Amino acid sequence: MIRALWLVAVLLLGTTLPAAAEEACETWTAGAQEDEGGLVFTVAACATDRPDAYLFMTCSAGEVFIRYDLAAGAERSPDEDEVNDVDFSVGVSTQRLSMRYEAMDGMFAGSVPANGPLVALLRSGQGLNVVDADGRYPVHSFGLTGSSAALTRLVQQCR
């Protein structure tokens, strides 16, 4: 009887976790996160189609530094120091950013001006799609709920 109840509980949790994870990925977050050098103000979002694929942004001296898990769910692993042009698309608008793979944390990294067109794009629309221009990695989708407020806070901290 206890085993049967435990099995039902596990099955119920298993069916609600993906929905909960997807729901958690609908809103961007902004706050201090631990980094190698201590706490850093970070904006974060996870892909609605793959909650373990993250987009992180920090800012310093007028530059927004973007780290993105471009290869999440891919059939291939990135090469060391691989560079890709990555398209960030909202509706019919697209901004391209050259990003370099950094093996230390398995993320691709690039930077843009804090008041530039990519940051403006991420503040608009309903949904974001991110993919490399060559199509070697999967497209991931992000909701933009809370992105405007989170990015405004990030840029305000960017001195």
N, C-alpha and C. Protein backbone atom coordinates (compact mmCIF):
# COMPACT_ATOMS: atom_id res chain seq x y z
N MET A 1 0.83 -1.19 0.00
CA MET A 1 0.00 0.00 0.00
C MET A 1 0.88 1.26 0.00
N ILE A 2 1.88 1.30 0.88
CA ILE A 2 2.77 2.46 0.95
C ILE A 2 3.53 2.61 -0.35
N ARG A 3 3.99 1.47 -0.91
CA ARG A 3 4.70 1.52 -2.20
C ARG A 3 3.79 2.07 -3.29
N ALA A 4 2.53 1.67 -3.28
CA ALA A 4 1.59 2.14 -4.30
C ALA A 4 1.39 3.65 -4.17
N LEU A 5 1.23 4.15 -2.94
CA LEU A 5 1.08 5.59 -2.73
C LEU A 5 2.34 6.34 -3.15
N TRP A 6 3.51 5.77 -2.82
CA TRP A 6 4.78 6.39 -3.20
C TRP A 6 4.88 6.47 -4.72
N LEU A 7 4.50 5.39 -5.42
CA LEU A 7 4.55 5.36 -6.88
C LEU A 7 3.61 6.40 -7.48
N VAL A 8 2.43 6.53 -6.94
CA VAL A 8 1.48 7.54 -7.43
C VAL A 8 2.05 8.93 -7.22
N ALA A 9 2.65 9.18 -6.05
CA ALA A 9 3.24 10.49 -5.76
C ALA A 9 4.36 10.81 -6.73
N VAL A 10 5.23 9.83 -7.00
CA VAL A 10 6.32 10.04 -7.95
C VAL A 10 5.78 10.34 -9.34
N LEU A 11 4.76 9.59 -9.76
CA LEU A 11 4.18 9.82 -11.08
C LEU A 11 3.54 11.21 -11.17
N LEU A 12 2.86 11.62 -10.13
CA LEU A 12 2.25 12.95 -10.13
C LEU A 12 3.31 14.04 -10.16
N LEU A 13 4.36 13.91 -9.37
CA LEU A 13 5.44 14.89 -9.38
C LEU A 13 6.12 14.92 -10.74
N GLY A 14 6.32 13.77 -11.33
CA GLY A 14 6.96 13.70 -12.64
C GLY A 14 6.16 14.39 -13.71
N THR A 15 4.83 14.40 -13.59
CA THR A 15 4.01 15.07 -14.59
C THR A 15 3.90 16.56 -14.33
N THR A 16 4.13 17.02 -13.11
CA THR A 16 4.00 18.45 -12.83
C THR A 16 5.33 19.19 -12.92
N LEU A 17 6.44 18.50 -12.77
CA LEU A 17 7.74 19.18 -12.81
C LEU A 17 8.02 19.87 -14.14
N PRO A 18 7.82 19.21 -15.29
CA PRO A 18 8.10 19.92 -16.54
C PRO A 18 7.24 21.17 -16.68
N ALA A 19 5.97 21.09 -16.32
CA ALA A 19 5.11 22.27 -16.41
C ALA A 19 5.60 23.36 -15.47
N ALA A 20 5.99 22.98 -14.25
CA ALA A 20 6.48 23.96 -13.29
C ALA A 20 7.78 24.59 -13.78
N ALA A 21 8.67 23.77 -14.35
CA ALA A 21 9.93 24.30 -14.87
C ALA A 21 9.66 25.24 -16.03
N GLU A 22 8.73 24.88 -16.92
CA GLU A 22 8.41 25.75 -18.05
C GLU A 22 7.81 27.06 -17.55
N GLU A 23 6.94 26.98 -16.54
CA GLU A 23 6.34 28.18 -15.97
C GLU A 23 7.40 29.07 -15.33
N ALA A 24 8.36 28.47 -14.64
CA ALA A 24 9.44 29.23 -14.01
C ALA A 24 10.28 29.95 -15.05
N CYS A 25 10.35 29.42 -16.26
CA CYS A 25 11.15 30.02 -17.32
C CYS A 25 10.41 31.14 -18.05
N GLU A 26 9.21 31.43 -17.66
CA GLU A 26 8.44 32.48 -18.31
C GLU A 26 8.87 33.88 -17.87
N THR A 27 9.49 34.02 -16.71
CA THR A 27 9.83 35.34 -16.18
C THR A 27 11.34 35.47 -15.97
N TRP A 28 11.89 36.58 -16.45
CA TRP A 28 13.31 36.87 -16.27
C TRP A 28 13.56 37.28 -14.82
N THR A 29 14.74 36.96 -14.32
CA THR A 29 15.10 37.33 -12.96
C THR A 29 16.28 38.29 -12.98
N ALA A 30 16.39 39.06 -11.93
CA ALA A 30 17.51 40.00 -11.79
C ALA A 30 17.90 40.04 -10.32
N GLY A 31 19.20 39.88 -10.05
CA GLY A 31 19.68 39.93 -8.69
C GLY A 31 21.12 39.48 -8.60
N ALA A 32 21.63 39.47 -7.39
CA ALA A 32 23.02 39.08 -7.17
C ALA A 32 23.17 37.57 -7.29
N GLN A 33 24.20 37.16 -8.03
CA GLN A 33 24.56 35.75 -8.14
C GLN A 33 26.04 35.60 -7.83
N GLU A 34 26.37 34.46 -7.26
CA GLU A 34 27.77 34.17 -6.94
C GLU A 34 28.55 33.93 -8.23
N ASP A 35 29.71 34.56 -8.33
CA ASP A 35 30.62 34.39 -9.45
C ASP A 35 32.01 34.13 -8.88
N GLU A 36 32.98 33.90 -9.71
CA GLU A 36 34.34 33.63 -9.24
C GLU A 36 34.85 34.73 -8.31
N GLY A 37 34.52 35.98 -8.62
CA GLY A 37 35.03 37.10 -7.84
C GLY A 37 34.09 37.58 -6.76
N GLY A 38 33.00 36.88 -6.50
CA GLY A 38 32.02 37.29 -5.50
C GLY A 38 30.65 37.48 -6.13
N LEU A 39 29.83 38.30 -5.48
CA LEU A 39 28.47 38.54 -5.97
C LEU A 39 28.49 39.50 -7.15
N VAL A 40 27.73 39.17 -8.18
CA VAL A 40 27.62 39.98 -9.38
C VAL A 40 26.14 40.13 -9.72
N PHE A 41 25.70 41.37 -10.03
CA PHE A 41 24.31 41.58 -10.42
C PHE A 41 24.11 40.92 -11.78
N THR A 42 23.14 40.01 -11.86
CA THR A 42 22.94 39.18 -13.05
C THR A 42 21.48 39.12 -13.43
N VAL A 43 21.22 39.22 -14.72
CA VAL A 43 19.89 38.96 -15.27
C VAL A 43 19.95 37.56 -15.87
N ALA A 44 18.92 36.76 -15.60
CA ALA A 44 18.92 35.38 -16.08
C ALA A 44 17.55 35.00 -16.64
N ALA A 45 17.59 34.11 -17.62
CA ALA A 45 16.37 33.54 -18.18
C ALA A 45 16.70 32.12 -18.62
N CYS A 46 15.72 31.24 -18.53
CA CYS A 46 15.91 29.89 -19.05
C CYS A 46 14.94 29.68 -20.20
N ALA A 47 15.33 28.81 -21.11
CA ALA A 47 14.52 28.56 -22.31
C ALA A 47 13.22 27.86 -21.92
N THR A 48 12.12 28.31 -22.49
CA THR A 48 10.83 27.71 -22.18
C THR A 48 10.73 26.30 -22.76
N ASP A 49 11.47 26.04 -23.83
CA ASP A 49 11.44 24.72 -24.45
C ASP A 49 12.51 23.79 -23.88
N ARG A 50 13.43 24.33 -23.11
CA ARG A 50 14.50 23.53 -22.51
C ARG A 50 14.98 24.25 -21.25
N PRO A 51 14.33 24.01 -20.11
CA PRO A 51 14.63 24.76 -18.88
C PRO A 51 16.05 24.66 -18.37
N ASP A 52 16.88 23.76 -18.92
CA ASP A 52 18.28 23.70 -18.50
C ASP A 52 19.19 24.51 -19.42
N ALA A 53 18.62 25.23 -20.39
CA ALA A 53 19.39 26.11 -21.28
C ALA A 53 19.22 27.54 -20.77
N TYR A 54 20.32 28.15 -20.36
CA TYR A 54 20.26 29.47 -19.73
C TYR A 54 20.90 30.57 -20.56
N LEU A 55 20.39 31.76 -20.32
CA LEU A 55 20.93 33.01 -20.86
C LEU A 55 21.21 33.88 -19.63
N PHE A 56 22.47 34.30 -19.47
CA PHE A 56 22.87 35.14 -18.34
C PHE A 56 23.44 36.44 -18.87
N MET A 57 23.17 37.55 -18.17
CA MET A 57 23.70 38.85 -18.56
C MET A 57 24.22 39.57 -17.32
N THR A 58 25.42 40.12 -17.47
CA THR A 58 25.99 41.00 -16.46
C THR A 58 26.42 42.26 -17.18
N CYS A 59 26.80 43.29 -16.42
CA CYS A 59 27.14 44.55 -17.07
C CYS A 59 28.25 45.26 -16.31
N SER A 60 29.16 45.87 -17.08
CA SER A 60 30.24 46.65 -16.49
C SER A 60 30.74 47.65 -17.52
N ALA A 61 30.99 48.87 -17.07
CA ALA A 61 31.56 49.93 -17.91
C ALA A 61 30.81 50.10 -19.23
N GLY A 62 29.49 50.04 -19.18
CA GLY A 62 28.68 50.29 -20.37
C GLY A 62 28.55 49.12 -21.33
N GLU A 63 29.08 47.95 -20.96
CA GLU A 63 28.99 46.75 -21.79
C GLU A 63 28.17 45.68 -21.07
N VAL A 64 27.25 45.05 -21.80
CA VAL A 64 26.50 43.91 -21.29
C VAL A 64 27.21 42.65 -21.76
N PHE A 65 27.55 41.80 -20.82
CA PHE A 65 28.23 40.54 -21.12
C PHE A 65 27.19 39.43 -21.09
N ILE A 66 27.08 38.71 -22.20
CA ILE A 66 26.07 37.68 -22.36
C ILE A 66 26.74 36.31 -22.35
N ARG A 67 26.20 35.41 -21.57
CA ARG A 67 26.65 34.02 -21.56
C ARG A 67 25.42 33.18 -21.89
N TYR A 68 25.59 32.25 -22.83
CA TYR A 68 24.44 31.49 -23.30
C TYR A 68 24.84 30.04 -23.57
N ASP A 69 23.99 29.13 -23.18
CA ASP A 69 24.21 27.70 -23.37
C ASP A 69 23.71 27.28 -24.75
N LEU A 70 24.38 27.75 -25.78
CA LEU A 70 24.00 27.52 -27.17
C LEU A 70 23.89 26.03 -27.51
N ALA A 71 24.75 25.21 -26.95
CA ALA A 71 24.81 23.79 -27.31
C ALA A 71 23.87 22.90 -26.50
N ALA A 72 23.05 23.47 -25.62
CA ALA A 72 22.12 22.66 -24.82
C ALA A 72 21.21 21.86 -25.74
N GLY A 73 21.21 20.56 -25.56
CA GLY A 73 20.36 19.68 -26.36
C GLY A 73 20.91 19.34 -27.74
N ALA A 74 22.12 19.76 -28.02
CA ALA A 74 22.71 19.52 -29.35
C ALA A 74 23.28 18.11 -29.44
N GLU A 75 23.41 17.64 -30.67
CA GLU A 75 24.01 16.33 -30.93
C GLU A 75 25.53 16.42 -31.00
N ARG A 76 26.06 17.62 -31.02
CA ARG A 76 27.51 17.81 -31.09
C ARG A 76 27.96 18.69 -29.94
N SER A 77 29.19 18.51 -29.55
CA SER A 77 29.79 19.37 -28.52
C SER A 77 30.60 20.45 -29.22
N PRO A 78 30.63 21.65 -28.65
CA PRO A 78 31.42 22.72 -29.26
C PRO A 78 32.91 22.41 -29.22
N ASP A 79 33.61 22.92 -30.20
CA ASP A 79 35.07 22.83 -30.21
C ASP A 79 35.63 23.88 -29.26
N GLU A 80 36.83 23.62 -28.73
CA GLU A 80 37.46 24.59 -27.85
C GLU A 80 37.64 25.91 -28.58
N ASP A 81 37.26 27.01 -27.96
CA ASP A 81 37.34 28.37 -28.53
C ASP A 81 36.55 28.55 -29.82
N GLU A 82 35.53 27.71 -30.03
CA GLU A 82 34.66 27.85 -31.20
C GLU A 82 33.96 29.20 -31.18
N VAL A 83 33.84 29.84 -32.33
CA VAL A 83 33.15 31.12 -32.44
C VAL A 83 31.96 30.94 -33.37
N ASN A 84 30.81 31.44 -32.95
CA ASN A 84 29.59 31.37 -33.76
C ASN A 84 28.89 32.71 -33.76
N ASP A 85 28.28 33.02 -34.90
CA ASP A 85 27.35 34.14 -34.94
C ASP A 85 26.02 33.61 -34.44
N VAL A 86 25.46 34.30 -33.45
CA VAL A 86 24.23 33.86 -32.81
C VAL A 86 23.15 34.90 -33.08
N ASP A 87 21.99 34.42 -33.57
CA ASP A 87 20.87 35.30 -33.88
C ASP A 87 19.87 35.31 -32.72
N PHE A 88 19.56 36.52 -32.27
CA PHE A 88 18.54 36.77 -31.25
C PHE A 88 17.37 37.39 -31.99
N SER A 89 16.23 36.68 -32.07
CA SER A 89 15.08 37.15 -32.86
C SER A 89 13.84 37.32 -32.01
N VAL A 90 13.22 38.48 -32.17
CA VAL A 90 11.93 38.79 -31.56
C VAL A 90 11.03 39.21 -32.70
N GLY A 91 10.00 38.41 -32.98
CA GLY A 91 9.14 38.70 -34.13
C GLY A 91 9.96 38.66 -35.40
N VAL A 92 9.90 39.75 -36.18
CA VAL A 92 10.66 39.81 -37.44
C VAL A 92 12.00 40.52 -37.28
N SER A 93 12.31 40.97 -36.07
CA SER A 93 13.57 41.67 -35.82
C SER A 93 14.62 40.71 -35.29
N THR A 94 15.84 40.82 -35.84
CA THR A 94 16.94 39.96 -35.43
C THR A 94 18.20 40.79 -35.21
N GLN A 95 18.90 40.47 -34.14
CA GLN A 95 20.22 41.04 -33.88
C GLN A 95 21.20 39.88 -33.80
N ARG A 96 22.35 40.04 -34.44
CA ARG A 96 23.37 38.99 -34.47
C ARG A 96 24.55 39.39 -33.58
N LEU A 97 25.05 38.39 -32.84
CA LEU A 97 26.18 38.60 -31.93
C LEU A 97 27.18 37.47 -32.12
N SER A 98 28.44 37.81 -32.30
CA SER A 98 29.49 36.81 -32.37
C SER A 98 29.82 36.37 -30.94
N MET A 99 29.77 35.05 -30.70
CA MET A 99 30.00 34.52 -29.36
C MET A 99 31.04 33.42 -29.42
N ARG A 100 31.89 33.37 -28.40
CA ARG A 100 32.98 32.38 -28.32
C ARG A 100 32.67 31.37 -27.22
N TYR A 101 32.90 30.10 -27.52
CA TYR A 101 32.71 29.03 -26.54
C TYR A 101 33.82 29.09 -25.50
N GLU A 102 33.42 29.00 -24.24
CA GLU A 102 34.36 28.98 -23.13
C GLU A 102 34.15 27.68 -22.36
N ALA A 103 35.12 26.78 -22.49
CA ALA A 103 35.00 25.45 -21.92
C ALA A 103 34.88 25.44 -20.40
N MET A 104 35.39 26.49 -19.73
CA MET A 104 35.37 26.53 -18.28
C MET A 104 33.96 26.28 -17.73
N ASP A 105 32.95 26.91 -18.32
CA ASP A 105 31.59 26.69 -17.86
C ASP A 105 30.67 26.16 -18.95
N GLY A 106 31.21 25.87 -20.13
CA GLY A 106 30.41 25.30 -21.21
C GLY A 106 29.43 26.27 -21.83
N MET A 107 29.72 27.56 -21.76
CA MET A 107 28.82 28.57 -22.29
C MET A 107 29.51 29.34 -23.41
N PHE A 108 28.70 29.93 -24.28
CA PHE A 108 29.21 30.85 -25.29
C PHE A 108 29.09 32.25 -24.70
N ALA A 109 30.07 33.12 -24.99
CA ALA A 109 30.10 34.45 -24.39
C ALA A 109 30.33 35.51 -25.46
N GLY A 110 29.70 36.66 -25.24
CA GLY A 110 29.88 37.82 -26.10
C GLY A 110 29.46 39.06 -25.34
N SER A 111 29.68 40.23 -25.93
CA SER A 111 29.27 41.47 -25.26
C SER A 111 28.70 42.44 -26.27
N VAL A 112 27.84 43.32 -25.75
CA VAL A 112 27.18 44.35 -26.56
C VAL A 112 27.08 45.63 -25.74
N PRO A 113 26.91 46.78 -26.39
CA PRO A 113 26.71 48.02 -25.63
C PRO A 113 25.43 47.94 -24.80
N ALA A 114 25.49 48.48 -23.59
CA ALA A 114 24.34 48.44 -22.69
C ALA A 114 23.12 49.15 -23.28
N ASN A 115 23.34 50.20 -24.05
CA ASN A 115 22.22 50.92 -24.65
C ASN A 115 22.09 50.63 -26.14
N GLY A 116 22.59 49.45 -26.56
CA GLY A 116 22.58 49.08 -27.97
C GLY A 116 21.31 48.38 -28.42
N PRO A 117 21.25 48.03 -29.70
CA PRO A 117 20.04 47.45 -30.28
C PRO A 117 19.68 46.06 -29.76
N LEU A 118 20.66 45.24 -29.37
CA LEU A 118 20.31 43.91 -28.86
C LEU A 118 19.59 44.00 -27.52
N VAL A 119 20.09 44.84 -26.63
CA VAL A 119 19.43 45.01 -25.33
C VAL A 119 18.03 45.59 -25.54
N ALA A 120 17.89 46.53 -26.45
CA ALA A 120 16.56 47.10 -26.76
C ALA A 120 15.62 46.01 -27.29
N LEU A 121 16.13 45.14 -28.14
CA LEU A 121 15.32 44.06 -28.70
C LEU A 121 14.83 43.12 -27.59
N LEU A 122 15.70 42.83 -26.65
CA LEU A 122 15.33 41.91 -25.56
C LEU A 122 14.31 42.50 -24.60
N ARG A 123 14.09 43.78 -24.69
CA ARG A 123 13.07 44.45 -23.85
C ARG A 123 11.71 44.46 -24.51
N SER A 124 11.61 43.99 -25.75
CA SER A 124 10.37 44.13 -26.52
C SER A 124 9.77 42.78 -26.87
N GLY A 125 8.52 42.81 -27.30
CA GLY A 125 7.88 41.62 -27.84
C GLY A 125 7.45 40.61 -26.79
N GLN A 126 7.01 39.48 -27.30
CA GLN A 126 6.48 38.43 -26.45
C GLN A 126 7.43 37.26 -26.29
N GLY A 127 8.21 36.97 -27.33
CA GLY A 127 9.07 35.80 -27.26
C GLY A 127 10.36 36.00 -28.02
N LEU A 128 11.38 35.31 -27.58
CA LEU A 128 12.71 35.39 -28.15
C LEU A 128 13.13 34.01 -28.62
N ASN A 129 13.70 33.93 -29.82
CA ASN A 129 14.31 32.71 -30.31
C ASN A 129 15.80 32.96 -30.47
N VAL A 130 16.62 32.01 -30.04
CA VAL A 130 18.07 32.14 -30.13
C VAL A 130 18.62 30.91 -30.85
N VAL A 131 19.46 31.16 -31.87
CA VAL A 131 20.07 30.06 -32.62
C VAL A 131 21.34 30.58 -33.29
N ASP A 132 22.27 29.67 -33.51
CA ASP A 132 23.47 30.07 -34.25
C ASP A 132 23.11 30.22 -35.73
N ALA A 133 23.78 31.13 -36.40
CA ALA A 133 23.46 31.46 -37.79
C ALA A 133 23.66 30.27 -38.74
N ASP A 134 24.58 29.36 -38.39
CA ASP A 134 24.84 28.20 -39.24
C ASP A 134 23.87 27.05 -38.99
N GLY A 135 23.06 27.13 -37.96
CA GLY A 135 22.07 26.10 -37.67
C GLY A 135 22.66 24.78 -37.18
N ARG A 136 23.83 24.82 -36.56
CA ARG A 136 24.44 23.59 -36.04
C ARG A 136 23.90 23.22 -34.67
N TYR A 137 23.27 24.17 -34.00
CA TYR A 137 22.73 23.92 -32.67
C TYR A 137 21.23 24.17 -32.68
N PRO A 138 20.50 23.60 -31.70
CA PRO A 138 19.04 23.77 -31.69
C PRO A 138 18.62 25.22 -31.40
N VAL A 139 17.47 25.58 -31.92
CA VAL A 139 16.83 26.86 -31.59
C VAL A 139 16.23 26.71 -30.20
N HIS A 140 16.41 27.73 -29.36
CA HIS A 140 15.75 27.73 -28.06
C HIS A 140 14.90 28.98 -27.96
N SER A 141 13.77 28.83 -27.26
CA SER A 141 12.80 29.92 -27.11
C SER A 141 12.76 30.41 -25.67
N PHE A 142 12.63 31.71 -25.53
CA PHE A 142 12.56 32.36 -24.23
C PHE A 142 11.35 33.28 -24.22
N GLY A 143 10.59 33.29 -23.11
CA GLY A 143 9.58 34.30 -22.93
C GLY A 143 10.28 35.60 -22.57
N LEU A 144 9.62 36.72 -22.79
CA LEU A 144 10.22 38.00 -22.45
C LEU A 144 9.53 38.70 -21.29
N THR A 145 8.69 37.98 -20.57
CA THR A 145 8.03 38.54 -19.40
C THR A 145 9.08 38.94 -18.37
N GLY A 146 9.06 40.19 -17.98
CA GLY A 146 9.99 40.69 -16.98
C GLY A 146 11.34 41.11 -17.53
N SER A 147 11.57 40.91 -18.84
CA SER A 147 12.88 41.25 -19.40
C SER A 147 13.15 42.75 -19.36
N SER A 148 12.14 43.55 -19.63
CA SER A 148 12.33 45.00 -19.65
C SER A 148 12.75 45.52 -18.28
N ALA A 149 12.03 45.10 -17.24
CA ALA A 149 12.37 45.55 -15.88
C ALA A 149 13.74 45.02 -15.46
N ALA A 150 14.03 43.75 -15.75
CA ALA A 150 15.31 43.16 -15.37
C ALA A 150 16.47 43.85 -16.08
N LEU A 151 16.32 44.12 -17.38
CA LEU A 151 17.39 44.76 -18.13
C LEU A 151 17.56 46.23 -17.75
N THR A 152 16.48 46.89 -17.39
CA THR A 152 16.58 48.27 -16.91
C THR A 152 17.40 48.31 -15.63
N ARG A 153 17.14 47.38 -14.71
CA ARG A 153 17.91 47.31 -13.47
C ARG A 153 19.37 47.01 -13.76
N LEU A 154 19.61 46.10 -14.72
CA LEU A 154 21.00 45.75 -15.07
C LEU A 154 21.75 46.96 -15.61
N VAL A 155 21.14 47.68 -16.54
CA VAL A 155 21.80 48.84 -17.14
C VAL A 155 22.03 49.93 -16.10
N GLN A 156 21.12 50.10 -15.15
CA GLN A 156 21.30 51.08 -14.08
C GLN A 156 22.52 50.74 -13.21
N GLN A 157 22.83 49.47 -13.09
CA GLN A 157 23.98 49.04 -12.28
C GLN A 157 25.29 49.04 -13.07
N CYS A 158 25.21 49.35 -14.33
CA CYS A 158 26.33 49.21 -15.26
C CYS A 158 27.18 50.47 -15.29
N ARG A 159 28.10 50.58 -14.40
CA ARG A 159 28.93 51.78 -14.34
C ARG A 159 30.36 51.46 -14.64
